[in-house]
Amino acid sequence: MRSRTVANRMVLALAGTALLIIATVAARGAENQAVHAALGHVRRYAPGSLILAGCLALAASVVLLTAQIPRRAPRRLRLPAPGCHLDSRAVRRAVRTQCSTLPGVVRACCRLTGRGHTMSLAITLTLDGTAHPADLLAAVSDGVLPQVAALLTPRRLETRIRLHVQRPRPHRAS
């Protein structure tokens, strides 16, 4: 996982834990006299502060949740030459086509995300039972990925390759 994602999830977890603790303390406020007296003072001297704190916590959690959504690659990627663009769908299609021609690959999926100087390419390959995963991984990393990295030259390309082996299914007799 990227460090931004980890940081966002940690902040969300801490904010959620803090909100749960506050709600629990408020629910048990009648039992705990000190907390009940403190909440009474806050309500008396700053009546809107509890509502404001709740709204700020809600807004912060919504912002952090929306930051978790991966950003798709733009439809047209700029190339170093002036006026030249590359269609991101064509890049994905080329990766899928090259990966699906490898022996033992039943299905190939590709996802290109990111904007700016760093792009992420996630490749998922479904293999049949006769495929050799080490050979396929070497073929993809040595044959397919250098070509894609050359296409996206001004950008850095982070890749993730997942291999799934398809289980053999029993044949039904008719």
Protein backbone atom coordinates (compact mmCIF):
# COMPACT_ATOMS: atom_id res chain seq x y z
CA MET A 1 0.00 0.00 0.00
CA ARG A 2 1.11 3.51 -0.59
CA SER A 3 2.11 5.61 2.40
CA ARG A 4 -0.72 8.10 1.75
CA THR A 5 -3.28 5.32 1.95
CA VAL A 6 -1.81 3.96 5.15
CA ALA A 7 -1.75 7.42 6.74
CA ASN A 8 -5.35 8.10 5.73
CA ARG A 9 -6.54 4.80 7.14
CA MET A 10 -4.69 5.38 10.40
CA VAL A 11 -6.25 8.83 10.79
CA LEU A 12 -9.69 7.38 10.04
CA ALA A 13 -9.19 4.62 12.59
CA LEU A 14 -8.03 7.06 15.27
CA ALA A 15 -10.88 9.48 14.55
CA GLY A 16 -13.40 6.65 14.66
CA THR A 17 -11.99 5.38 17.93
CA ALA A 18 -12.08 8.87 19.43
CA LEU A 19 -15.70 9.35 18.34
CA LEU A 20 -16.67 5.99 19.83
CA ILE A 21 -14.98 6.87 23.12
CA ILE A 22 -16.71 10.26 23.22
CA ALA A 23 -20.09 8.67 22.48
CA THR A 24 -19.57 6.03 25.16
CA VAL A 25 -18.54 8.63 27.73
CA ALA A 26 -21.49 10.82 26.81
CA ALA A 27 -23.87 7.86 27.13
CA ARG A 28 -22.46 7.06 30.55
CA GLY A 29 -22.31 10.75 31.51
CA ALA A 30 -24.95 10.30 34.16
CA GLU A 31 -22.77 7.75 35.94
CA ASN A 32 -19.55 9.75 35.72
CA GLN A 33 -20.11 13.04 37.56
CA ALA A 34 -16.89 14.75 36.39
CA VAL A 35 -17.61 14.11 32.72
CA HIS A 36 -21.24 15.12 33.18
CA ALA A 37 -20.19 18.38 34.86
CA ALA A 38 -17.63 19.12 32.10
CA LEU A 39 -20.24 18.52 29.39
CA GLY A 40 -22.65 20.75 31.29
CA HIS A 41 -20.09 23.59 31.35
CA VAL A 42 -19.37 23.16 27.65
CA ARG A 43 -23.09 23.24 26.83
CA ARG A 44 -23.62 26.31 28.98
CA TYR A 45 -20.65 28.46 27.86
CA ALA A 46 -20.25 27.26 24.26
CA PRO A 47 -23.51 25.65 23.18
CA GLY A 48 -22.53 25.16 19.55
CA SER A 49 -19.05 23.75 20.19
CA LEU A 50 -20.21 20.12 20.49
CA ILE A 51 -22.19 20.40 17.26
CA LEU A 52 -19.25 22.12 15.56
CA ALA A 53 -16.82 19.42 16.74
CA GLY A 54 -19.14 16.70 15.45
CA CYS A 55 -19.54 18.44 12.09
CA LEU A 56 -15.77 18.91 11.76
CA ALA A 57 -15.16 15.25 12.57
CA LEU A 58 -17.77 14.20 10.01
CA ALA A 59 -16.29 16.50 7.35
CA ALA A 60 -12.77 15.22 8.03
CA SER A 61 -13.88 11.60 7.76
CA VAL A 62 -15.70 12.29 4.47
CA VAL A 63 -12.61 14.01 3.04
CA LEU A 64 -10.37 11.13 4.11
CA LEU A 65 -12.78 8.55 2.72
CA THR A 66 -12.89 10.26 -0.66
CA ALA A 67 -9.08 10.38 -0.68
CA GLN A 68 -9.13 6.57 -0.62
CA ILE A 69 -10.73 6.37 -4.06
CA PRO A 70 -8.02 5.74 -6.66
CA ARG A 71 -7.76 8.31 -9.41
CA ARG A 72 -8.15 6.85 -12.88
CA ALA A 73 -5.59 7.74 -15.45
CA PRO A 74 -6.64 10.57 -17.75
CA ARG A 75 -8.10 9.47 -21.05
CA ARG A 76 -5.37 11.21 -23.01
CA LEU A 77 -1.81 11.07 -21.74
CA ARG A 78 0.56 13.79 -22.87
CA LEU A 79 3.80 12.74 -24.50
CA PRO A 80 7.07 14.70 -24.43
CA ALA A 81 6.65 15.79 -28.07
CA PRO A 82 4.49 18.91 -28.41
CA GLY A 83 0.91 18.20 -29.46
CA CYS A 84 1.24 14.41 -29.06
CA HIS A 85 -1.13 12.42 -26.89
CA LEU A 86 -1.58 8.75 -26.06
CA ASP A 87 -4.94 7.15 -25.36
CA SER A 88 -4.82 5.37 -21.97
CA ARG A 89 -7.37 2.81 -23.17
CA ALA A 90 -4.95 1.84 -25.94
CA VAL A 91 -2.22 1.26 -23.36
CA ARG A 92 -4.50 -0.97 -21.30
CA ARG A 93 -5.66 -2.86 -24.38
CA ALA A 94 -2.05 -3.40 -25.53
CA VAL A 95 -1.04 -4.77 -22.11
CA ARG A 96 -4.06 -7.09 -22.02
CA THR A 97 -3.39 -8.32 -25.55
CA GLN A 98 0.30 -8.99 -24.92
CA CYS A 99 -0.40 -10.77 -21.65
CA SER A 100 -3.22 -12.89 -23.07
CA THR A 101 -0.93 -14.24 -25.82
CA LEU A 102 1.40 -15.79 -23.25
CA PRO A 103 1.03 -19.59 -22.89
CA GLY A 104 -1.14 -20.65 -19.97
CA VAL A 105 -2.99 -17.32 -19.56
CA VAL A 106 -6.76 -17.76 -19.60
CA ARG A 107 -7.70 -14.16 -18.84
CA ALA A 108 -5.78 -10.89 -18.50
CA CYS A 109 -7.04 -7.73 -16.77
CA CYS A 110 -5.27 -4.40 -16.59
CA ARG A 111 -5.92 -1.20 -14.65
CA LEU A 112 -4.04 2.07 -15.08
CA THR A 113 -4.39 4.70 -12.35
CA GLY A 114 -2.67 7.88 -11.25
CA ARG A 115 -1.97 11.33 -12.54
CA GLY A 116 1.09 13.49 -12.75
CA HIS A 117 4.56 12.01 -12.52
CA THR A 118 3.64 8.58 -11.13
CA MET A 119 1.25 6.08 -12.68
CA SER A 120 0.24 2.67 -11.32
CA LEU A 121 -0.37 -0.35 -13.51
CA ALA A 122 -2.14 -3.33 -11.94
CA ILE A 123 -2.15 -6.52 -13.99
CA THR A 124 -4.20 -9.55 -12.98
CA LEU A 125 -3.59 -12.78 -14.84
CA THR A 126 -5.76 -15.88 -14.51
CA LEU A 127 -3.75 -18.99 -15.33
CA ASP A 128 -4.78 -22.51 -16.21
CA GLY A 129 -3.38 -25.50 -14.35
CA THR A 130 -0.57 -26.11 -16.87
CA ALA A 131 1.02 -22.65 -16.60
CA HIS A 132 4.29 -22.00 -14.80
CA PRO A 133 3.82 -18.82 -12.72
CA ALA A 134 7.55 -18.03 -12.45
CA ASP A 135 7.99 -18.19 -16.23
CA LEU A 136 4.91 -16.04 -16.83
CA LEU A 137 6.01 -13.47 -14.27
CA ALA A 138 9.42 -13.26 -15.93
CA ALA A 139 7.83 -12.95 -19.38
CA VAL A 140 5.56 -10.11 -18.26
CA SER A 141 8.24 -8.22 -16.33
CA ASP A 142 10.87 -8.62 -19.05
CA GLY A 143 8.72 -8.44 -22.19
CA VAL A 144 5.57 -6.40 -21.57
CA LEU A 145 6.49 -3.92 -18.85
CA PRO A 146 9.58 -2.36 -20.51
CA GLN A 147 7.46 -1.49 -23.55
CA VAL A 148 4.77 0.13 -21.41
CA ALA A 149 7.36 2.02 -19.36
CA ALA A 150 8.87 3.31 -22.61
CA LEU A 151 5.43 4.57 -23.72
CA LEU A 152 4.95 6.46 -20.46
CA THR A 153 8.54 7.76 -20.45
CA PRO A 154 8.14 11.09 -18.65
CA ARG A 155 6.24 9.32 -15.85
CA ARG A 156 7.39 6.75 -13.34
CA LEU A 157 5.46 3.48 -13.60
CA GLU A 158 4.69 1.42 -10.51
CA THR A 159 3.44 -2.06 -11.34
CA ARG A 160 1.68 -4.81 -9.45
CA ILE A 161 1.15 -8.23 -10.98
CA ARG A 162 -1.31 -10.70 -9.52
CA LEU A 163 -1.46 -14.29 -10.63
CA HIS A 164 -4.55 -16.44 -10.02
CA VAL A 165 -4.60 -20.12 -10.90
CA GLN A 166 -7.92 -21.32 -12.24
CA ARG A 167 -9.16 -24.43 -10.50
CA PRO A 168 -10.16 -27.28 -12.75
CA ARG A 169 -13.90 -27.78 -12.75
CA PRO A 170 -15.42 -31.23 -13.01
CA HIS A 171 -17.21 -31.94 -16.28
CA ARG A 172 -20.91 -32.61 -16.03
CA ALA A 173 -22.34 -35.55 -17.81
CA SER A 174 -25.42 -34.82 -19.85
